[in-house]
Amino acid sequence: SFTADVIEASKDALVLVDFWASWCGTCKQVTPVLEKVVQSY
């Protein structure tokens, strides 16, 4: 889905791509903050 969700979608808006993994503790801290900030726009 990368082409549709990121490449094509970025023609209409700024798209952030968050690469994460289930074992990554820091990811679990960063992703909720990203979601909160993105929602506000």
PDB file of all heavy atoms in Angstrom:
ATOM      1  N   SER A   1       0.807  -1.222   0.000  1.00  0.00           N
ATOM      2  CA  SER A   1       0.000   0.000   0.000  1.00  0.00           C
ATOM      3  C   SER A   1       0.843   1.276   0.000  1.00  0.00           C
ATOM      4  O   SER A   1       0.288   2.373   0.002  1.00  0.00           O
ATOM      5  CB  SER A   1      -0.929   0.017   1.222  1.00  0.00           C
ATOM      6  OG  SER A   1      -0.172   0.144   2.418  1.00  0.00           O
ATOM      7  N   PHE A   2       2.161   1.130  -0.001  1.00  0.00           N
ATOM      8  CA  PHE A   2       3.043   2.291   0.165  1.00  0.00           C
ATOM      9  C   PHE A   2       2.823   3.335  -0.926  1.00  0.00           C
ATOM     10  O   PHE A   2       2.773   4.532  -0.643  1.00  0.00           O
ATOM     11  CB  PHE A   2       4.509   1.843   0.179  1.00  0.00           C
ATOM     12  CG  PHE A   2       5.476   2.930   0.543  1.00  0.00           C
ATOM     13  CD1 PHE A   2       5.699   3.269   1.863  1.00  0.00           C
ATOM     14  CD2 PHE A   2       6.142   3.651  -0.448  1.00  0.00           C
ATOM     15  CE1 PHE A   2       6.582   4.279   2.208  1.00  0.00           C
ATOM     16  CE2 PHE A   2       7.023   4.664  -0.120  1.00  0.00           C
ATOM     17  CZ  PHE A   2       7.247   4.985   1.217  1.00  0.00           C
ATOM     18  N   THR A   3       2.691   2.906  -2.157  1.00  0.00           N
ATOM     19  CA  THR A   3       2.521   3.869  -3.248  1.00  0.00           C
ATOM     20  C   THR A   3       1.259   4.700  -3.061  1.00  0.00           C
ATOM     21  O   THR A   3       1.278   5.930  -3.189  1.00  0.00           O
ATOM     22  CB  THR A   3       2.476   3.145  -4.603  1.00  0.00           C
ATOM     23  OG1 THR A   3       3.719   2.476  -4.818  1.00  0.00           O
ATOM     24  CG2 THR A   3       2.232   4.135  -5.740  1.00  0.00           C
ATOM     25  N   ALA A   4       0.157   4.026  -2.721  1.00  0.00           N
ATOM     26  CA  ALA A   4      -1.112   4.749  -2.550  1.00  0.00           C
ATOM     27  C   ALA A   4      -1.134   5.568  -1.274  1.00  0.00           C
ATOM     28  O   ALA A   4      -1.536   6.742  -1.268  1.00  0.00           O
ATOM     29  CB  ALA A   4      -2.273   3.767  -2.559  1.00  0.00           C
ATOM     30  N   ASP A   5      -0.687   4.949  -0.150  1.00  0.00           N
ATOM     31  CA  ASP A   5      -0.792   5.600   1.156  1.00  0.00           C
ATOM     32  C   ASP A   5       0.214   6.723   1.352  1.00  0.00           C
ATOM     33  O   ASP A   5      -0.044   7.657   2.121  1.00  0.00           O
ATOM     34  CB  ASP A   5      -0.610   4.573   2.273  1.00  0.00           C
ATOM     35  CG  ASP A   5      -1.762   3.597   2.370  1.00  0.00           C
ATOM     36  OD1 ASP A   5      -2.824   3.887   1.794  1.00  0.00           O
ATOM     37  OD2 ASP A   5      -1.601   2.551   3.029  1.00  0.00           O
ATOM     38  N   VAL A   6       1.359   6.614   0.698  1.00  0.00           N
ATOM     39  CA  VAL A   6       2.426   7.593   0.922  1.00  0.00           C
ATOM     40  C   VAL A   6       2.715   8.428  -0.330  1.00  0.00           C
ATOM     41  O   VAL A   6       2.559   9.653  -0.318  1.00  0.00           O
ATOM     42  CB  VAL A   6       3.717   6.896   1.408  1.00  0.00           C
ATOM     43  CG1 VAL A   6       4.831   7.930   1.604  1.00  0.00           C
ATOM     44  CG2 VAL A   6       3.455   6.140   2.706  1.00  0.00           C
ATOM     45  N   ILE A   7       3.132   7.782  -1.409  1.00  0.00           N
ATOM     46  CA  ILE A   7       3.548   8.523  -2.609  1.00  0.00           C
ATOM     47  C   ILE A   7       2.391   9.345  -3.178  1.00  0.00           C
ATOM     48  O   ILE A   7       2.516  10.557  -3.381  1.00  0.00           O
ATOM     49  CB  ILE A   7       4.104   7.562  -3.677  1.00  0.00           C
ATOM     50  CG1 ILE A   7       5.283   6.744  -3.114  1.00  0.00           C
ATOM     51  CG2 ILE A   7       4.539   8.360  -4.908  1.00  0.00           C
ATOM     52  CD1 ILE A   7       6.432   7.583  -2.601  1.00  0.00           C
ATOM     53  N   GLU A   8       1.262   8.699  -3.428  1.00  0.00           N
ATOM     54  CA  GLU A   8       0.116   9.415  -4.003  1.00  0.00           C
ATOM     55  C   GLU A   8      -0.518  10.361  -2.992  1.00  0.00           C
ATOM     56  O   GLU A   8      -0.870  11.496  -3.325  1.00  0.00           O
ATOM     57  CB  GLU A   8      -0.923   8.411  -4.514  1.00  0.00           C
ATOM     58  CG  GLU A   8      -0.467   7.598  -5.707  1.00  0.00           C
ATOM     59  CD  GLU A   8      -0.122   8.461  -6.910  1.00  0.00           C
ATOM     60  OE1 GLU A   8      -0.812   9.479  -7.127  1.00  0.00           O
ATOM     61  OE2 GLU A   8       0.833   8.124  -7.628  1.00  0.00           O
ATOM     62  N   ALA A   9      -0.658   9.913  -1.742  1.00  0.00           N
ATOM     63  CA  ALA A   9      -1.291  10.751  -0.715  1.00  0.00           C
ATOM     64  C   ALA A   9      -0.485  12.012  -0.440  1.00  0.00           C
ATOM     65  O   ALA A   9      -1.050  13.058  -0.087  1.00  0.00           O
ATOM     66  CB  ALA A   9      -1.463   9.949   0.572  1.00  0.00           C
ATOM     67  N   SER A  10       0.833  11.933  -0.616  1.00  0.00           N
ATOM     68  CA  SER A  10       1.670  13.091  -0.325  1.00  0.00           C
ATOM     69  C   SER A  10       1.514  14.206  -1.349  1.00  0.00           C
ATOM     70  O   SER A  10       2.064  15.296  -1.169  1.00  0.00           O
ATOM     71  CB  SER A  10       3.145  12.674  -0.237  1.00  0.00           C
ATOM     72  OG  SER A  10       3.651  12.327  -1.511  1.00  0.00           O
ATOM     73  N   LYS A  11       0.769  13.956  -2.410  1.00  0.00           N
ATOM     74  CA  LYS A  11       0.478  15.017  -3.374  1.00  0.00           C
ATOM     75  C   LYS A  11      -0.605  15.954  -2.843  1.00  0.00           C
ATOM     76  O   LYS A  11      -0.775  17.062  -3.353  1.00  0.00           O
ATOM     77  CB  LYS A  11       0.050  14.401  -4.711  1.00  0.00           C
ATOM     78  CG  LYS A  11       1.162  13.598  -5.379  1.00  0.00           C
ATOM     79  CD  LYS A  11       0.695  12.931  -6.669  1.00  0.00           C
ATOM     80  CE  LYS A  11       1.816  12.094  -7.287  1.00  0.00           C
ATOM     81  NZ  LYS A  11       1.377  11.405  -8.531  1.00  0.00           N
ATOM     82  N   ASP A  12      -1.325  15.476  -1.828  1.00  0.00           N
ATOM     83  CA  ASP A  12      -2.397  16.289  -1.235  1.00  0.00           C
ATOM     84  C   ASP A  12      -2.073  16.785   0.171  1.00  0.00           C
ATOM     85  O   ASP A  12      -2.704  17.730   0.649  1.00  0.00           O
ATOM     86  CB  ASP A  12      -3.694  15.474  -1.163  1.00  0.00           C
ATOM     87  CG  ASP A  12      -4.189  15.057  -2.535  1.00  0.00           C
ATOM     88  OD1 ASP A  12      -4.088  15.871  -3.469  1.00  0.00           O
ATOM     89  OD2 ASP A  12      -4.658  13.919  -2.675  1.00  0.00           O
ATOM     90  N   ALA A  13      -1.134  16.139   0.846  1.00  0.00           N
ATOM     91  CA  ALA A  13      -0.820  16.509   2.234  1.00  0.00           C
ATOM     92  C   ALA A  13       0.594  16.057   2.570  1.00  0.00           C
ATOM     93  O   ALA A  13       1.197  15.236   1.858  1.00  0.00           O
ATOM     94  CB  ALA A  13      -1.814  15.850   3.189  1.00  0.00           C
ATOM     95  N   LEU A  14       1.124  16.604   3.641  1.00  0.00           N
ATOM     96  CA  LEU A  14       2.403  16.135   4.156  1.00  0.00           C
ATOM     97  C   LEU A  14       2.154  14.787   4.832  1.00  0.00           C
ATOM     98  O   LEU A  14       1.279  14.671   5.685  1.00  0.00           O
ATOM     99  CB  LEU A  14       2.958  17.141   5.171  1.00  0.00           C
ATOM    100  CG  LEU A  14       4.313  16.798   5.802  1.00  0.00           C
ATOM    101  CD1 LEU A  14       5.427  16.906   4.767  1.00  0.00           C
ATOM    102  CD2 LEU A  14       4.605  17.740   6.978  1.00  0.00           C
ATOM    103  N   VAL A  15       2.921  13.756   4.449  1.00  0.00           N
ATOM    104  CA  VAL A  15       2.715  12.414   4.990  1.00  0.00           C
ATOM    105  C   VAL A  15       3.938  11.995   5.804  1.00  0.00           C
ATOM    106  O   VAL A  15       5.064  12.005   5.301  1.00  0.00           O
ATOM    107  CB  VAL A  15       2.476  11.382   3.875  1.00  0.00           C
ATOM    108  CG1 VAL A  15       2.309   9.975   4.473  1.00  0.00           C
ATOM    109  CG2 VAL A  15       1.236  11.751   3.067  1.00  0.00           C
ATOM    110  N   LEU A  16       3.708  11.653   7.062  1.00  0.00           N
ATOM    111  CA  LEU A  16       4.759  11.108   7.912  1.00  0.00           C
ATOM    112  C   LEU A  16       4.671   9.589   7.874  1.00  0.00           C
ATOM    113  O   LEU A  16       3.572   9.027   7.983  1.00  0.00           O
ATOM    114  CB  LEU A  16       4.608  11.594   9.351  1.00  0.00           C
ATOM    115  CG  LEU A  16       4.609  13.106   9.593  1.00  0.00           C
ATOM    116  CD1 LEU A  16       4.585  13.385  11.091  1.00  0.00           C
ATOM    117  CD2 LEU A  16       5.796  13.775   8.949  1.00  0.00           C
ATOM    118  N   VAL A  17       5.812   8.930   7.713  1.00  0.00           N
ATOM    119  CA  VAL A  17       5.857   7.477   7.723  1.00  0.00           C
ATOM    120  C   VAL A  17       6.633   7.038   8.964  1.00  0.00           C
ATOM    121  O   VAL A  17       7.812   7.374   9.118  1.00  0.00           O
ATOM    122  CB  VAL A  17       6.523   6.926   6.453  1.00  0.00           C
ATOM    123  CG1 VAL A  17       6.481   5.399   6.458  1.00  0.00           C
ATOM    124  CG2 VAL A  17       5.827   7.466   5.208  1.00  0.00           C
ATOM    125  N   ASP A  18       5.960   6.333   9.832  1.00  0.00           N
ATOM    126  CA  ASP A  18       6.540   5.893  11.103  1.00  0.00           C
ATOM    127  C   ASP A  18       6.910   4.411  11.002  1.00  0.00           C
ATOM    128  O   ASP A  18       6.035   3.544  10.966  1.00  0.00           O
ATOM    129  CB  ASP A  18       5.511   6.120  12.223  1.00  0.00           C
ATOM    130  CG  ASP A  18       5.960   5.547  13.559  1.00  0.00           C
ATOM    131  OD1 ASP A  18       7.175   5.381  13.757  1.00  0.00           O
ATOM    132  OD2 ASP A  18       5.077   5.270  14.398  1.00  0.00           O
ATOM    133  N   PHE A  19       8.224   4.124  10.924  1.00  0.00           N
ATOM    134  CA  PHE A  19       8.693   2.745  10.926  1.00  0.00           C
ATOM    135  C   PHE A  19       8.917   2.307  12.371  1.00  0.00           C
ATOM    136  O   PHE A  19       9.664   2.951  13.108  1.00  0.00           O
ATOM    137  CB  PHE A  19       9.997   2.622  10.132  1.00  0.00           C
ATOM    138  CG  PHE A  19       9.783   2.663   8.648  1.00  0.00           C
ATOM    139  CD1 PHE A  19       9.845   3.865   7.951  1.00  0.00           C
ATOM    140  CD2 PHE A  19       9.505   1.503   7.943  1.00  0.00           C
ATOM    141  CE1 PHE A  19       9.653   3.906   6.579  1.00  0.00           C
ATOM    142  CE2 PHE A  19       9.299   1.527   6.563  1.00  0.00           C
ATOM    143  CZ  PHE A  19       9.379   2.734   5.880  1.00  0.00           C
ATOM    144  N   TRP A  20       8.256   1.207  12.749  1.00  0.00           N
ATOM    145  CA  TRP A  20       8.275   0.748  14.129  1.00  0.00           C
ATOM    146  C   TRP A  20       8.403  -0.776  14.149  1.00  0.00           C
ATOM    147  O   TRP A  20       8.372  -1.437  13.109  1.00  0.00           O
ATOM    148  CB  TRP A  20       6.991   1.154  14.838  1.00  0.00           C
ATOM    149  CG  TRP A  20       5.768   0.526  14.209  1.00  0.00           C
ATOM    150  CD1 TRP A  20       5.101   0.946  13.095  1.00  0.00           C
ATOM    151  CD2 TRP A  20       5.115  -0.672  14.638  1.00  0.00           C
ATOM    152  NE1 TRP A  20       4.062   0.102  12.800  1.00  0.00           N
ATOM    153  CE2 TRP A  20       4.047  -0.916  13.733  1.00  0.00           C
ATOM    154  CE3 TRP A  20       5.320  -1.555  15.692  1.00  0.00           C
ATOM    155  CZ2 TRP A  20       3.193  -1.997  13.857  1.00  0.00           C
ATOM    156  CZ3 TRP A  20       4.465  -2.644  15.821  1.00  0.00           C
ATOM    157  CH2 TRP A  20       3.417  -2.854  14.917  1.00  0.00           C
ATOM    158  N   ALA A  21       8.533  -1.328  15.352  1.00  0.00           N
ATOM    159  CA  ALA A  21       8.550  -2.786  15.539  1.00  0.00           C
ATOM    160  C   ALA A  21       7.956  -3.096  16.904  1.00  0.00           C
ATOM    161  O   ALA A  21       8.045  -2.280  17.830  1.00  0.00           O
ATOM    162  CB  ALA A  21       9.967  -3.339  15.424  1.00  0.00           C
ATOM    163  N   SER A  22       7.380  -4.253  17.037  1.00  0.00           N
ATOM    164  CA  SER A  22       6.693  -4.626  18.277  1.00  0.00           C
ATOM    165  C   SER A  22       7.638  -4.722  19.467  1.00  0.00           C
ATOM    166  O   SER A  22       7.237  -4.520  20.609  1.00  0.00           O
ATOM    167  CB  SER A  22       5.964  -5.956  18.085  1.00  0.00           C
ATOM    168  OG  SER A  22       6.882  -6.978  17.720  1.00  0.00           O
ATOM    169  N   TRP A  23       8.918  -5.034  19.204  1.00  0.00           N
ATOM    170  CA  TRP A  23       9.895  -5.174  20.291  1.00  0.00           C
ATOM    171  C   TRP A  23      10.510  -3.836  20.702  1.00  0.00           C
ATOM    172  O   TRP A  23      11.260  -3.767  21.680  1.00  0.00           O
ATOM    173  CB  TRP A  23      11.027  -6.120  19.859  1.00  0.00           C
ATOM    174  CG  TRP A  23      11.613  -5.775  18.516  1.00  0.00           C
ATOM    175  CD1 TRP A  23      11.297  -6.330  17.317  1.00  0.00           C
ATOM    176  CD2 TRP A  23      12.608  -4.775  18.243  1.00  0.00           C
ATOM    177  NE1 TRP A  23      12.020  -5.764  16.295  1.00  0.00           N
ATOM    178  CE2 TRP A  23      12.844  -4.800  16.845  1.00  0.00           C
ATOM    179  CE3 TRP A  23      13.322  -3.870  19.027  1.00  0.00           C
ATOM    180  CZ2 TRP A  23      13.747  -3.950  16.225  1.00  0.00           C
ATOM    181  CZ3 TRP A  23      14.231  -3.024  18.410  1.00  0.00           C
ATOM    182  CH2 TRP A  23      14.441  -3.070  17.028  1.00  0.00           C
ATOM    183  N   CYS A  24      10.190  -2.782  19.970  1.00  0.00           N
ATOM    184  CA  CYS A  24      10.830  -1.468  20.179  1.00  0.00           C
ATOM    185  C   CYS A  24      10.067  -0.663  21.235  1.00  0.00           C
ATOM    186  O   CYS A  24       8.982  -0.141  20.977  1.00  0.00           O
ATOM    187  CB  CYS A  24      10.879  -0.709  18.856  1.00  0.00           C
ATOM    188  SG  CYS A  24      11.440   1.000  18.996  1.00  0.00           S
ATOM    189  N   GLY A  25      10.663  -0.545  22.421  1.00  0.00           N
ATOM    190  CA  GLY A  25      10.025   0.206  23.498  1.00  0.00           C
ATOM    191  C   GLY A  25       9.885   1.682  23.184  1.00  0.00           C
ATOM    192  O   GLY A  25       8.864   2.312  23.503  1.00  0.00           O
ATOM    193  N   THR A  26      10.896   2.269  22.557  1.00  0.00           N
ATOM    194  CA  THR A  26      10.836   3.690  22.208  1.00  0.00           C
ATOM    195  C   THR A  26       9.721   3.970  21.210  1.00  0.00           C
ATOM    196  O   THR A  26       9.072   5.016  21.257  1.00  0.00           O
ATOM    197  CB  THR A  26      12.185   4.156  21.637  1.00  0.00           C
ATOM    198  OG1 THR A  26      13.229   3.835  22.556  1.00  0.00           O
ATOM    199  CG2 THR A  26      12.192   5.653  21.387  1.00  0.00           C
ATOM    200  N   CYS A  27       9.488   3.007  20.297  1.00  0.00           N
ATOM    201  CA  CYS A  27       8.408   3.162  19.315  1.00  0.00           C
ATOM    202  C   CYS A  27       7.062   3.350  20.018  1.00  0.00           C
ATOM    203  O   CYS A  27       6.219   4.141  19.580  1.00  0.00           O
ATOM    204  CB  CYS A  27       8.329   1.938  18.411  1.00  0.00           C
ATOM    205  SG  CYS A  27       9.799   1.661  17.403  1.00  0.00           S
ATOM    206  N   LYS A  28       6.867   2.608  21.100  1.00  0.00           N
ATOM    207  CA  LYS A  28       5.606   2.677  21.831  1.00  0.00           C
ATOM    208  C   LYS A  28       5.407   4.034  22.507  1.00  0.00           C
ATOM    209  O   LYS A  28       4.284   4.421  22.831  1.00  0.00           O
ATOM    210  CB  LYS A  28       5.547   1.561  22.864  1.00  0.00           C
ATOM    211  CG  LYS A  28       5.546   0.162  22.238  1.00  0.00           C
ATOM    212  CD  LYS A  28       5.593  -0.922  23.292  1.00  0.00           C
ATOM    213  CE  LYS A  28       5.655  -2.306  22.651  1.00  0.00           C
ATOM    214  NZ  LYS A  28       5.751  -3.393  23.661  1.00  0.00           N
ATOM    215  N   GLN A  29       6.511   4.762  22.699  1.00  0.00           N
ATOM    216  CA  GLN A  29       6.422   6.109  23.276  1.00  0.00           C
ATOM    217  C   GLN A  29       6.188   7.151  22.186  1.00  0.00           C
ATOM    218  O   GLN A  29       5.426   8.100  22.372  1.00  0.00           O
ATOM    219  CB  GLN A  29       7.714   6.440  24.026  1.00  0.00           C
ATOM    220  CG  GLN A  29       8.033   5.511  25.180  1.00  0.00           C
ATOM    221  CD  GLN A  29       9.411   5.792  25.775  1.00  0.00           C
ATOM    222  OE1 GLN A  29      10.026   6.812  25.487  1.00  0.00           O
ATOM    223  NE2 GLN A  29       9.908   4.875  26.591  1.00  0.00           N
ATOM    224  N   VAL A  30       6.858   6.959  21.048  1.00  0.00           N
ATOM    225  CA  VAL A  30       6.818   7.968  19.993  1.00  0.00           C
ATOM    226  C   VAL A  30       5.510   7.946  19.209  1.00  0.00           C
ATOM    227  O   VAL A  30       4.926   9.005  18.911  1.00  0.00           O
ATOM    228  CB  VAL A  30       8.011   7.786  19.027  1.00  0.00           C
ATOM    229  CG1 VAL A  30       7.880   8.719  17.816  1.00  0.00           C
ATOM    230  CG2 VAL A  30       9.318   8.051  19.749  1.00  0.00           C
ATOM    231  N   THR A  31       5.012   6.762  18.869  1.00  0.00           N
ATOM    232  CA  THR A  31       3.831   6.662  18.006  1.00  0.00           C
ATOM    233  C   THR A  31       2.612   7.401  18.557  1.00  0.00           C
ATOM    234  O   THR A  31       1.950   8.140  17.810  1.00  0.00           O
ATOM    235  CB  THR A  31       3.493   5.187  17.726  1.00  0.00           C
ATOM    236  OG1 THR A  31       4.597   4.582  17.053  1.00  0.00           O
ATOM    237  CG2 THR A  31       2.256   5.076  16.854  1.00  0.00           C
ATOM    238  N   PRO A  32       2.256   7.267  19.841  1.00  0.00           N
ATOM    239  CA  PRO A  32       1.098   8.016  20.353  1.00  0.00           C
ATOM    240  C   PRO A  32       1.270   9.528  20.243  1.00  0.00           C
ATOM    241  O   PRO A  32       0.300  10.254  20.001  1.00  0.00           O
ATOM    242  CB  PRO A  32       1.009   7.573  21.822  1.00  0.00           C
ATOM    243  CG  PRO A  32       1.685   6.244  21.860  1.00  0.00           C
ATOM    244  CD  PRO A  32       2.796   6.346  20.873  1.00  0.00           C
ATOM    245  N   VAL A  33       2.501  10.003  20.415  1.00  0.00           N
ATOM    246  CA  VAL A  33       2.755  11.442  20.281  1.00  0.00           C
ATOM    247  C   VAL A  33       2.570  11.873  18.834  1.00  0.00           C
ATOM    248  O   VAL A  33       1.964  12.906  18.542  1.00  0.00           O
ATOM    249  CB  VAL A  33       4.168  11.800  20.780  1.00  0.00           C
ATOM    250  CG1 VAL A  33       4.435  13.290  20.601  1.00  0.00           C
ATOM    251  CG2 VAL A  33       4.341  11.410  22.233  1.00  0.00           C
ATOM    252  N   LEU A  34       3.080  11.069  17.907  1.00  0.00           N
ATOM    253  CA  LEU A  34       2.899  11.355  16.485  1.00  0.00           C
ATOM    254  C   LEU A  34       1.418  11.424  16.135  1.00  0.00           C
ATOM    255  O   LEU A  34       0.972  12.334  15.426  1.00  0.00           O
ATOM    256  CB  LEU A  34       3.576  10.274  15.637  1.00  0.00           C
ATOM    257  CG  LEU A  34       5.095  10.345  15.484  1.00  0.00           C
ATOM    258  CD1 LEU A  34       5.617   9.067  14.839  1.00  0.00           C
ATOM    259  CD2 LEU A  34       5.496  11.558  14.655  1.00  0.00           C
ATOM    260  N   GLU A  35       0.647  10.465  16.636  1.00  0.00           N
ATOM    261  CA  GLU A  35      -0.784  10.431  16.347  1.00  0.00           C
ATOM    262  C   GLU A  35      -1.479  11.694  16.868  1.00  0.00           C
ATOM    263  O   GLU A  35      -2.310  12.297  16.177  1.00  0.00           O
ATOM    264  CB  GLU A  35      -1.410   9.184  16.973  1.00  0.00           C
ATOM    265  CG  GLU A  35      -0.964   7.879  16.320  1.00  0.00           C
ATOM    266  CD  GLU A  35      -1.562   6.657  17.006  1.00  0.00           C
ATOM    267  OE1 GLU A  35      -2.085   6.807  18.129  1.00  0.00           O
ATOM    268  OE2 GLU A  35      -1.506   5.571  16.410  1.00  0.00           O
ATOM    269  N   LYS A  36      -1.136  12.085  18.084  1.00  0.00           N
ATOM    270  CA  LYS A  36      -1.744  13.263  18.695  1.00  0.00           C
ATOM    271  C   LYS A  36      -1.446  14.520  17.879  1.00  0.00           C
ATOM    272  O   LYS A  36      -2.337  15.331  17.594  1.00  0.00           O
ATOM    273  CB  LYS A  36      -1.222  13.425  20.123  1.00  0.00           C
ATOM    274  CG  LYS A  36      -1.697  14.679  20.825  1.00  0.00           C
ATOM    275  CD  LYS A  36      -1.050  14.800  22.192  1.00  0.00           C
ATOM    276  CE  LYS A  36      -1.453  16.098  22.895  1.00  0.00           C
ATOM    277  NZ  LYS A  36      -0.772  16.251  24.206  1.00  0.00           N
ATOM    278  N   VAL A  37      -0.188  14.673  17.488  1.00  0.00           N
ATOM    279  CA  VAL A  37       0.213  15.859  16.730  1.00  0.00           C
ATOM    280  C   VAL A  37      -0.451  15.867  15.364  1.00  0.00           C
ATOM    281  O   VAL A  37      -0.993  16.886  14.925  1.00  0.00           O
ATOM    282  CB  VAL A  37       1.745  15.921  16.598  1.00  0.00           C
ATOM    283  CG1 VAL A  37       2.154  17.063  15.666  1.00  0.00           C
ATOM    284  CG2 VAL A  37       2.400  16.104  17.964  1.00  0.00           C
ATOM    285  N   VAL A  38      -0.436  14.750  14.666  1.00  0.00           N
ATOM    286  CA  VAL A  38      -1.023  14.673  13.330  1.00  0.00           C
ATOM    287  C   VAL A  38      -2.513  14.977  13.374  1.00  0.00           C
ATOM    288  O   VAL A  38      -3.047  15.698  12.513  1.00  0.00           O
ATOM    289  CB  VAL A  38      -0.761  13.283  12.716  1.00  0.00           C
ATOM    290  CG1 VAL A  38      -1.625  13.062  11.476  1.00  0.00           C
ATOM    291  CG2 VAL A  38       0.714  13.141  12.354  1.00  0.00           C
ATOM    292  N   GLN A  39      -3.225  14.475  14.374  1.00  0.00           N
ATOM    293  CA  GLN A  39      -4.658  14.746  14.502  1.00  0.00           C
ATOM    294  C   GLN A  39      -4.942  16.235  14.606  1.00  0.00           C
ATOM    295  O   GLN A  39      -5.967  16.718  14.119  1.00  0.00           O
ATOM    296  CB  GLN A  39      -5.215  14.038  15.735  1.00  0.00           C
ATOM    297  CG  GLN A  39      -5.406  12.543  15.555  1.00  0.00           C
ATOM    298  CD  GLN A  39      -5.851  11.881  16.851  1.00  0.00           C
ATOM    299  OE1 GLN A  39      -5.524  12.350  17.939  1.00  0.00           O
ATOM    300  NE2 GLN A  39      -6.588  10.799  16.733  1.00  0.00           N
ATOM    301  N   SER A  40      -4.056  16.966  15.231  1.00  0.00           N
ATOM    302  CA  SER A  40      -4.307  18.390  15.472  1.00  0.00           C
ATOM    303  C   SER A  40      -4.248  19.231  14.207  1.00  0.00           C
ATOM    304  O   SER A  40      -4.648  20.392  14.224  1.00  0.00           O
ATOM    305  CB  SER A  40      -3.315  18.927  16.509  1.00  0.00           C
ATOM    306  OG  SER A  40      -1.999  19.034  15.967  1.00  0.00           O
ATOM    307  N   TYR A  41      -3.741  18.678  13.106  1.00  0.00           N
ATOM    308  CA  TYR A  41      -3.603  19.454  11.870  1.00  0.00           C
ATOM    309  C   TYR A  41      -4.807  19.322  10.945  1.00  0.00           C
ATOM    310  O   TYR A  41      -4.793  19.828   9.823  1.00  0.00           O
ATOM    311  CB  TYR A  41      -2.317  19.067  11.141  1.00  0.00           C
ATOM    312  CG  TYR A  41      -1.100  19.735  11.746  1.00  0.00           C
ATOM    313  CD1 TYR A  41      -0.412  19.155  12.798  1.00  0.00           C
ATOM    314  CD2 TYR A  41      -0.651  20.963  11.273  1.00  0.00           C
ATOM    315  CE1 TYR A  41       0.683  19.766  13.368  1.00  0.00           C
ATOM    316  CE2 TYR A  41       0.451  21.589  11.825  1.00  0.00           C
ATOM    317  CZ  TYR A  41       1.112  20.984  12.882  1.00  0.00           C
ATOM    318  OH  TYR A  41       2.193  21.606  13.446  1.00  0.00           O
TER     319      TYR A  41
END
